[in-house]
Amino acid sequence: MNVRVTLYGPLRGATGTKTVELTLTPGDEEGSESNTPPTVGDVVRAFADRYPRSRDQLLTEDGEIRPSVRVLCDGEKRERSEPASGELSLFPAMRGG
């Protein structure tokens, strides 16, 4: 499955660009069945693996997605356990006033 990931905030610094393409194969994710499509969480973890500078912004020390991270799939909010789609947007926690 190809997923286009659009990045916001400081995540762009991890990639040097606004969008990246990730290719995930069903069953390649840890603990997945061979024909199970990747979940939103799988895509976020794959992104963090490919771009290690983003890891602290997206994942806890235990490898779980931080509660402050917002994820949209095809423009709609999705839970981490739901199947991913072709377009994903990542919003890390942002500070400011």
Foldseek 3Di string as FASTA:
>chain_A
DKAKEAEDDPVCVLPVDGIDIDDDQQPPAPPGDNPDAAFQLSVLLVVCVVRVVCDVQAADPVRGGDPQKFKDAPRHTDDRGHHHDRYMYIDTHDDDD
